C-alpha atoms as a PDB file:
ATOM      1  CA  MET A   1      -5.597  -7.926  80.279  1.00  0.00           C
ATOM      2  CA  ASN A   2      -6.021 -10.302  77.574  1.00  0.00           C
ATOM      3  CA  ILE A   3      -9.360 -12.123  76.781  1.00  0.00           C
ATOM      4  CA  GLU A   4      -8.420 -15.352  78.502  1.00  0.00           C
ATOM      5  CA  GLU A   5      -7.388 -13.243  81.713  1.00  0.00           C
ATOM      6  CA  PHE A   6     -10.455 -11.372  81.535  1.00  0.00           C
ATOM      7  CA  ILE A   7     -12.951 -14.548  81.267  1.00  0.00           C
ATOM      8  CA  LYS A   8     -10.813 -15.938  84.321  1.00  0.00           C
ATOM      9  CA  GLU A   9     -11.313 -12.995  86.424  1.00  0.00           C
ATOM     10  CA  VAL A  10     -15.039 -12.341  85.615  1.00  0.00           C
ATOM     11  CA  LYS A  11     -15.769 -15.883  86.408  1.00  0.00           C
ATOM     12  CA  LYS A  12     -14.331 -15.033  90.090  1.00  0.00           C
ATOM     13  CA  LEU A  13     -17.154 -12.567  90.040  1.00  0.00           C
ATOM     14  CA  ASN A  14     -19.429 -15.540  89.820  1.00  0.00           C
ATOM     15  CA  ILE A  15     -20.538 -14.323  86.499  1.00  0.00           C
ATOM     16  CA  GLU A  16     -21.210 -16.573  83.350  1.00  0.00           C
ATOM     17  CA  VAL A  17     -19.260 -15.287  80.400  1.00  0.00           C
ATOM     18  CA  THR A  18     -20.957 -16.458  77.152  1.00  0.00           C
ATOM     19  CA  GLU A  19     -19.808 -16.417  73.500  1.00  0.00           C
ATOM     20  CA  GLN A  20     -22.561 -13.698  72.612  1.00  0.00           C
ATOM     21  CA  ASN A  21     -21.179 -11.667  75.739  1.00  0.00           C
ATOM     22  CA  LEU A  22     -17.461 -11.795  74.102  1.00  0.00           C
ATOM     23  CA  LYS A  23     -18.760 -11.139  70.876  1.00  0.00           C
ATOM     24  CA  ASP A  24     -20.682  -7.986  71.994  1.00  0.00           C
ATOM     25  CA  LEU A  25     -17.487  -6.683  73.978  1.00  0.00           C
ATOM     26  CA  GLU A  26     -15.341  -7.261  70.766  1.00  0.00           C
ATOM     27  CA  LYS A  27     -17.728  -5.161  68.720  1.00  0.00           C
ATOM     28  CA  TYR A  28     -18.155  -2.569  71.950  1.00  0.00           C
ATOM     29  CA  LYS A  29     -14.109  -2.237  72.102  1.00  0.00           C
ATOM     30  CA  ASP A  30     -13.646  -1.751  68.292  1.00  0.00           C
ATOM     31  CA  LEU A  31     -16.181   0.970  68.318  1.00  0.00           C
ATOM     32  CA  LEU A  32     -14.647   2.545  71.040  1.00  0.00           C
ATOM     33  CA  ILE A  33     -11.219   2.606  69.548  1.00  0.00           C
ATOM     34  CA  GLU A  34     -12.688   3.774  66.387  1.00  0.00           C
ATOM     35  CA  TYR A  35     -14.803   6.453  67.835  1.00  0.00           C
ATOM     36  CA  ASN A  36     -12.011   7.362  70.342  1.00  0.00           C
ATOM     37  CA  LYS A  37      -9.597   8.982  67.394  1.00  0.00           C
ATOM     38  CA  LYS A  38     -12.451  11.350  66.479  1.00  0.00           C
ATOM     39  CA  PHE A  39     -13.985  12.318  69.838  1.00  0.00           C
ATOM     40  CA  ASN A  40     -11.445  11.414  72.605  1.00  0.00           C
ATOM     41  CA  LEU A  41     -14.127   9.514  74.674  1.00  0.00           C
ATOM     42  CA  THR A  42     -11.562   7.930  76.839  1.00  0.00           C
ATOM     43  CA  ALA A  43      -7.830   8.049  77.743  1.00  0.00           C
ATOM     44  CA  ILE A  44      -7.827   4.154  77.830  1.00  0.00           C
ATOM     45  CA  LYS A  45      -6.889   3.140  74.144  1.00  0.00           C
ATOM     46  CA  THR A  46      -5.275  -0.049  74.161  1.00  0.00           C
ATOM     47  CA  GLU A  47      -7.280  -3.324  73.957  1.00  0.00           C
ATOM     48  CA  GLU A  48      -6.002  -4.604  77.080  1.00  0.00           C
ATOM     49  CA  GLU A  49      -6.546  -1.787  79.155  1.00  0.00           C
ATOM     50  CA  ILE A  50     -10.049  -1.468  77.985  1.00  0.00           C
ATOM     51  CA  TYR A  51     -10.686  -5.086  78.944  1.00  0.00           C
ATOM     52  CA  LEU A  52      -9.199  -4.382  82.584  1.00  0.00           C
ATOM     53  CA  LYS A  53     -10.135  -0.979  83.394  1.00  0.00           C
ATOM     54  CA  HIS A  54     -13.227  -0.384  81.588  1.00  0.00           C
ATOM     55  CA  PHE A  55     -15.278  -4.113  80.907  1.00  0.00           C
ATOM     56  CA  TYR A  56     -13.964  -5.857  83.977  1.00  0.00           C
ATOM     57  CA  ASP A  57     -13.823  -2.633  86.366  1.00  0.00           C
ATOM     58  CA  SER A  58     -17.450  -2.035  85.382  1.00  0.00           C
ATOM     59  CA  LEU A  59     -18.596  -5.587  86.474  1.00  0.00           C
ATOM     60  CA  THR A  60     -16.901  -5.371  89.741  1.00  0.00           C
ATOM     61  CA  LEU A  61     -20.140  -3.349  90.800  1.00  0.00           C
ATOM     62  CA  THR A  62     -21.680  -7.125  91.391  1.00  0.00           C
ATOM     63  CA  LYS A  63     -19.304  -7.152  94.502  1.00  0.00           C
ATOM     64  CA  GLY A  64     -21.756  -4.602  95.937  1.00  0.00           C
ATOM     65  CA  LEU A  65     -25.281  -6.230  95.339  1.00  0.00           C
ATOM     66  CA  SER A  66     -27.258  -8.640  93.372  1.00  0.00           C
ATOM     67  CA  LEU A  67     -28.191  -7.738  89.960  1.00  0.00           C
ATOM     68  CA  GLU A  68     -30.851 -10.396  89.261  1.00  0.00           C
ATOM     69  CA  GLY A  69     -34.624  -9.472  88.732  1.00  0.00           C
ATOM     70  CA  ASN A  70     -36.464  -6.758  86.790  1.00  0.00           C
ATOM     71  CA  LEU A  71     -34.337  -3.684  88.278  1.00  0.00           C
ATOM     72  CA  LYS A  72     -34.257  -0.091  87.022  1.00  0.00           C
ATOM     73  CA  LEU A  73     -30.673   1.219  86.684  1.00  0.00           C
ATOM     74  CA  LEU A  74     -29.531   4.991  86.249  1.00  0.00           C
ATOM     75  CA  ASP A  75     -25.610   5.238  85.529  1.00  0.00           C
ATOM     76  CA  ILE A  76     -24.718   9.044  85.982  1.00  0.00           C
ATOM     77  CA  GLY A  77     -22.064  10.277  83.942  1.00  0.00           C
ATOM     78  CA  THR A  78     -21.887   7.071  82.081  1.00  0.00           C
ATOM     79  CA  GLY A  79     -19.189   8.644  79.680  1.00  0.00           C
ATOM     80  CA  ALA A  80     -18.564   5.859  77.145  1.00  0.00           C
ATOM     81  CA  GLY A  81     -20.903   3.558  78.933  1.00  0.00           C
ATOM     82  CA  PHE A  82     -19.199   2.731  82.111  1.00  0.00           C
ATOM     83  CA  PRO A  83     -20.402   0.500  84.072  1.00  0.00           C
ATOM     84  CA  GLY A  84     -24.080   1.145  82.584  1.00  0.00           C
ATOM     85  CA  LEU A  85     -23.573  -0.433  79.033  1.00  0.00           C
ATOM     86  CA  VAL A  86     -21.235  -3.282  79.923  1.00  0.00           C
ATOM     87  CA  LEU A  87     -23.834  -4.219  82.887  1.00  0.00           C
ATOM     88  CA  LYS A  88     -26.669  -4.671  80.109  1.00  0.00           C
ATOM     89  CA  ILE A  89     -24.474  -7.083  78.038  1.00  0.00           C
ATOM     90  CA  PHE A  90     -23.986  -9.243  81.065  1.00  0.00           C
ATOM     91  CA  TYR A  91     -27.592  -8.629  82.640  1.00  0.00           C
ATOM     92  CA  PRO A  92     -30.129  -8.190  79.651  1.00  0.00           C
ATOM     93  CA  ASN A  93     -32.733  -7.979  82.719  1.00  0.00           C
ATOM     94  CA  LEU A  94     -31.846  -4.836  83.626  1.00  0.00           C
ATOM     95  CA  GLU A  95     -33.763  -1.810  82.288  1.00  0.00           C
ATOM     96  CA  ILE A  96     -30.923   0.684  82.111  1.00  0.00           C
ATOM     97  CA  THR A  97     -30.827   4.462  81.686  1.00  0.00           C
ATOM     98  CA  LEU A  98     -27.230   6.057  80.685  1.00  0.00           C
ATOM     99  CA  LEU A  99     -27.059   9.611  81.608  1.00  0.00           C
ATOM    100  CA  ASP A 100     -24.329  12.176  80.499  1.00  0.00           C
ATOM    101  CA  SER A 101     -24.050  15.955  79.298  1.00  0.00           C
ATOM    102  CA  ASN A 102     -21.653  15.357  76.509  1.00  0.00           C
ATOM    103  CA  ASN A 103     -23.642  14.673  73.137  1.00  0.00           C
ATOM    104  CA  LYS A 104     -20.699  13.410  71.418  1.00  0.00           C
ATOM    105  CA  LYS A 105     -20.745  10.421  74.185  1.00  0.00           C
ATOM    106  CA  ILE A 106     -24.350  10.117  73.815  1.00  0.00           C
ATOM    107  CA  THR A 107     -24.147   9.755  70.013  1.00  0.00           C
ATOM    108  CA  PHE A 108     -21.415   7.040  70.492  1.00  0.00           C
ATOM    109  CA  LEU A 109     -23.579   5.247  72.942  1.00  0.00           C
ATOM    110  CA  GLU A 110     -26.510   5.082  70.660  1.00  0.00           C
ATOM    111  CA  THR A 111     -24.451   3.475  68.004  1.00  0.00           C
ATOM    112  CA  VAL A 112     -23.219   0.798  70.214  1.00  0.00           C
ATOM    113  CA  ILE A 113     -26.496   0.227  71.502  1.00  0.00           C
ATOM    114  CA  LYS A 114     -27.919  -0.238  68.060  1.00  0.00           C
ATOM    115  CA  GLU A 115     -25.059  -2.088  66.874  1.00  0.00           C
ATOM    116  CA  LEU A 116     -25.420  -4.782  69.658  1.00  0.00           C
ATOM    117  CA  ASN A 117     -29.262  -4.798  69.206  1.00  0.00           C
ATOM    118  CA  LEU A 118     -29.635  -4.185  73.001  1.00  0.00           C
ATOM    119  CA  LYS A 119     -33.272  -3.590  74.574  1.00  0.00           C
ATOM    120  CA  ASP A 120     -34.762  -1.824  77.507  1.00  0.00           C
ATOM    121  CA  ILE A 121     -31.671   0.755  77.642  1.00  0.00           C
ATOM    122  CA  ILE A 122     -31.752   4.447  76.969  1.00  0.00           C
ATOM    123  CA  CYS A 123     -29.757   7.215  76.609  1.00  0.00           C
ATOM    124  CA  ILE A 124     -30.257  10.974  78.148  1.00  0.00           C
ATOM    125  CA  HIS A 125     -28.431  13.961  77.256  1.00  0.00           C
ATOM    126  CA  ASN A 126     -28.949  15.785  80.310  1.00  0.00           C
ATOM    127  CA  ARG A 127     -27.130  17.104  83.572  1.00  0.00           C
ATOM    128  CA  ALA A 128     -28.208  14.945  86.678  1.00  0.00           C
ATOM    129  CA  GLU A 129     -29.798  17.711  88.573  1.00  0.00           C
ATOM    130  CA  SER A 130     -32.055  18.685  85.598  1.00  0.00           C
ATOM    131  CA  LEU A 131     -33.764  15.107  85.217  1.00  0.00           C
ATOM    132  CA  PRO A 132     -37.386  15.772  84.633  1.00  0.00           C
ATOM    133  CA  ASP A 133     -39.764  14.992  88.104  1.00  0.00           C
ATOM    134  CA  ASN A 134     -40.843  11.719  86.663  1.00  0.00           C
ATOM    135  CA  TYR A 135     -37.758  10.168  87.488  1.00  0.00           C
ATOM    136  CA  ARG A 136     -37.875  10.955  91.293  1.00  0.00           C
ATOM    137  CA  GLU A 137     -37.837   8.145  93.544  1.00  0.00           C
ATOM    138  CA  TYR A 138     -38.006   5.863  90.036  1.00  0.00           C
ATOM    139  CA  PHE A 139     -34.674   3.717  90.179  1.00  0.00           C
ATOM    140  CA  ASP A 140     -33.773   0.626  91.973  1.00  0.00           C
ATOM    141  CA  ILE A 141     -29.828   1.048  91.618  1.00  0.00           C
ATOM    142  CA  ILE A 142     -27.962   4.122  90.865  1.00  0.00           C
ATOM    143  CA  THR A 143     -24.298   4.246  90.090  1.00  0.00           C
ATOM    144  CA  SER A 144     -21.414   6.447  88.813  1.00  0.00           C
ATOM    145  CA  ARG A 145     -18.063   5.560  88.251  1.00  0.00           C
ATOM    146  CA  ALA A 146     -15.273   8.248  89.145  1.00  0.00           C
ATOM    147  CA  VAL A 147     -17.783  11.236  88.337  1.00  0.00           C
ATOM    148  CA  ALA A 148     -17.621  13.474  91.385  1.00  0.00           C
ATOM    149  CA  HIS A 149     -17.096  13.877  95.059  1.00  0.00           C
ATOM    150  CA  LEU A 150     -19.242  11.742  97.118  1.00  0.00           C
ATOM    151  CA  ARG A 151     -20.767  14.876  98.854  1.00  0.00           C
ATOM    152  CA  ILE A 152     -21.862  15.901  95.440  1.00  0.00           C
ATOM    153  CA  LEU A 153     -22.674  12.692  93.944  1.00  0.00           C
ATOM    154  CA  SER A 154     -25.028  11.807  96.536  1.00  0.00           C
ATOM    155  CA  GLU A 155     -27.402  14.926  96.170  1.00  0.00           C
ATOM    156  CA  LEU A 156     -27.456  14.425  92.398  1.00  0.00           C
ATOM    157  CA  SER A 157     -28.369  10.793  92.680  1.00  0.00           C
ATOM    158  CA  ILE A 158     -30.572  10.028  96.030  1.00  0.00           C
ATOM    159  CA  PRO A 159     -33.633  11.923  94.579  1.00  0.00           C
ATOM    160  CA  TYR A 160     -34.089   9.625  92.173  1.00  0.00           C
ATOM    161  CA  LEU A 161     -33.677   6.640  94.154  1.00  0.00           C
ATOM    162  CA  LYS A 162     -36.456   4.508  95.309  1.00  0.00           C
ATOM    163  CA  VAL A 163     -36.578   4.379  99.384  1.00  0.00           C
ATOM    164  CA  GLY A 164     -35.101   1.381 100.526  1.00  0.00           C
ATOM    165  CA  ARG A 165     -32.756   1.097  97.263  1.00  0.00           C
ATOM    166  CA  LYS A 166     -28.972   1.752  96.903  1.00  0.00           C
ATOM    167  CA  LEU A 167     -26.531   4.137  95.438  1.00  0.00           C
ATOM    168  CA  ILE A 168     -23.392   2.527  94.323  1.00  0.00           C
ATOM    169  CA  ALA A 169     -20.346   5.132  93.949  1.00  0.00           C
ATOM    170  CA  MET A 170     -17.540   3.314  92.270  1.00  0.00           C
ATOM    171  CA  LYS A 171     -14.308   5.193  92.912  1.00  0.00           C
ATOM    172  CA  GLY A 172     -10.895   5.144  94.672  1.00  0.00           C
ATOM    173  CA  ILE A 173     -12.280   6.781  97.825  1.00  0.00           C
ATOM    174  CA  SER A 174     -10.817   8.173 100.860  1.00  0.00           C
ATOM    175  CA  ASP A 175     -12.212   8.182 104.575  1.00  0.00           C
ATOM    176  CA  GLU A 176     -12.048  12.033 104.463  1.00  0.00           C
ATOM    177  CA  GLU A 177     -14.507  11.973 101.456  1.00  0.00           C
ATOM    178  CA  ILE A 178     -16.840   9.696 103.279  1.00  0.00           C
ATOM    179  CA  LYS A 179     -16.445  12.129 106.435  1.00  0.00           C
ATOM    180  CA  GLU A 180     -17.316  15.152 104.312  1.00  0.00           C
ATOM    181  CA  SER A 181     -20.382  13.588 103.033  1.00  0.00           C
ATOM    182  CA  GLU A 182     -22.003  12.711 106.251  1.00  0.00           C
ATOM    183  CA  GLU A 183     -24.062  16.041 106.552  1.00  0.00           C
ATOM    184  CA  ILE A 184     -25.546  15.628 103.198  1.00  0.00           C
ATOM    185  CA  LEU A 185     -26.655  12.153 103.483  1.00  0.00           C
ATOM    186  CA  ASN A 186     -28.382  13.044 106.663  1.00  0.00           C
ATOM    187  CA  ARG A 187     -30.233  15.776 104.975  1.00  0.00           C
ATOM    188  CA  LEU A 188     -31.197  13.257 102.195  1.00  0.00           C
ATOM    189  CA  ASP A 189     -32.429  10.703 104.636  1.00  0.00           C
ATOM    190  CA  SER A 190     -29.670   8.307 103.656  1.00  0.00           C
ATOM    191  CA  SER A 191     -26.759   6.487 105.134  1.00  0.00           C
ATOM    192  CA  ILE A 192     -23.783   4.446 104.031  1.00  0.00           C
ATOM    193  CA  ALA A 193     -24.268   0.697 104.301  1.00  0.00           C
ATOM    194  CA  ASN A 194     -21.074  -0.755 103.569  1.00  0.00           C
ATOM    195  CA  VAL A 195     -17.762   0.170 101.742  1.00  0.00           C
ATOM    196  CA  ILE A 196     -16.088  -2.669  99.680  1.00  0.00           C
ATOM    197  CA  THR A 197     -12.441  -2.111  98.887  1.00  0.00           C
ATOM    198  CA  PHE A 198     -10.297  -4.527  96.548  1.00  0.00           C
ATOM    199  CA  ASN A 199      -7.566  -4.140  93.946  1.00  0.00           C
ATOM    200  CA  LEU A 200      -7.900  -4.324  90.025  1.00  0.00           C
ATOM    201  CA  PRO A 201      -6.052  -7.657  88.999  1.00  0.00           C
ATOM    202  CA  ILE A 202      -2.740  -7.422  87.218  1.00  0.00           C
ATOM    203  CA  GLU A 203      -2.180  -4.017  88.226  1.00  0.00           C
ATOM    204  CA  ASN A 204      -3.281  -3.735  91.615  1.00  0.00           C
ATOM    205  CA  SER A 205      -4.838  -0.294  91.465  1.00  0.00           C
ATOM    206  CA  ASN A 206      -7.129   0.515  94.494  1.00  0.00           C
ATOM    207  CA  ARG A 207     -11.084   0.472  94.192  1.00  0.00           C
ATOM    208  CA  SER A 208     -13.867   1.185  96.234  1.00  0.00           C
ATOM    209  CA  LEU A 209     -17.802   0.376  96.045  1.00  0.00           C
ATOM    210  CA  VAL A 210     -19.479   3.133  98.429  1.00  0.00           C
ATOM    211  CA  ILE A 211     -22.729   1.673  98.941  1.00  0.00           C
ATOM    212  CA  ILE A 212     -25.664   4.288 100.159  1.00  0.00           C
ATOM    213  CA  GLU A 213     -29.312   3.056 101.382  1.00  0.00           C
ATOM    214  CA  LYS A 214     -31.868   5.595 101.055  1.00  0.00           C
ATOM    215  CA  LYS A 215     -34.251   5.473 104.099  1.00  0.00           C
ATOM    216  CA  LYS A 216     -36.866   7.876 103.424  1.00  0.00           C
ATOM    217  CA  GLU A 217     -38.564   9.922 100.216  1.00  0.00           C
ATOM    218  CA  THR A 218     -36.430  12.791  99.443  1.00  0.00           C
ATOM    219  CA  ASN A 219     -37.267  16.645 100.319  1.00  0.00           C
ATOM    220  CA  LYS A 220     -38.326  18.448  97.118  1.00  0.00           C
ATOM    221  CA  LEU A 221     -35.767  20.994  97.990  1.00  0.00           C
ATOM    222  CA  TYR A 222     -33.101  18.543  96.528  1.00  0.00           C
ATOM    223  CA  PRO A 223     -31.182  18.309  93.901  1.00  0.00           C
ATOM    224  CA  ARG A 224     -30.489  22.028  94.318  1.00  0.00           C
ATOM    225  CA  ASN A 225     -29.031  23.836  91.282  1.00  0.00           C
ATOM    226  CA  TYR A 226     -25.622  22.784  90.616  1.00  0.00           C
ATOM    227  CA  ASP A 227     -23.688  25.754  91.967  1.00  0.00           C
ATOM    228  CA  LYS A 228     -25.227  25.389  95.267  1.00  0.00           C
ATOM    229  CA  ILE A 229     -24.453  21.844  95.469  1.00  0.00           C
ATOM    230  CA  VAL A 230     -20.749  22.598  94.759  1.00  0.00           C
ATOM    231  CA  LYS A 231     -20.674  25.200  97.562  1.00  0.00           C
ATOM    232  CA  ASN A 232     -22.592  23.326  99.724  1.00  0.00           C
ATOM    233  CA  LYS A 233     -24.912  26.241 100.290  1.00  0.00           C
ATOM    234  CA  LYS A 234     -28.126  25.582 102.141  1.00  0.00           C
END
């Protein structure tokens, strides 16, 4: 995906692309390529792939809900900043927390944030199940792109979501994975509100947005330690 194709496809998402957006993405892309040589941040290394599979793909979250207003967004397992950092470039109104357990990736993200002079965005080096209690029921939106099975991701995310707000899992997903997540979603007083499927332009790879709505405050038993989550022990 070249720059012209990127602009064209992003406009189809009803997102305005400004000159500043493009300057920020260009600098982000250059830093990603530079740091990737040292730290192996992503397997996607060409400019065309970065614009399609990272930048454009991150913005497809807007197919699932509006990002207008003063919203707090948590990006779990953000890696090199996808989708959270890209969303911040286009939606400066968002208060964004980027969470990752890899300190090299956190160092990279902090560099990009400083270089782009972004405000109201922080990085946390931690695991989702170990976030402090002050983050419980705190976020308006939680998202994660291709990080874990939906059953695991749901328990890692929902305790930190406000009641009535949504988790958006960005992935290629199967009906079987959704079915395997029903039990924990019931225990977390949450349910799947919608599943949006689409194909990325140009290469036509499959994508899904699984949108989960939280109905009630989460029991303090959750999230459990990661071993219990993975093994699904009660």
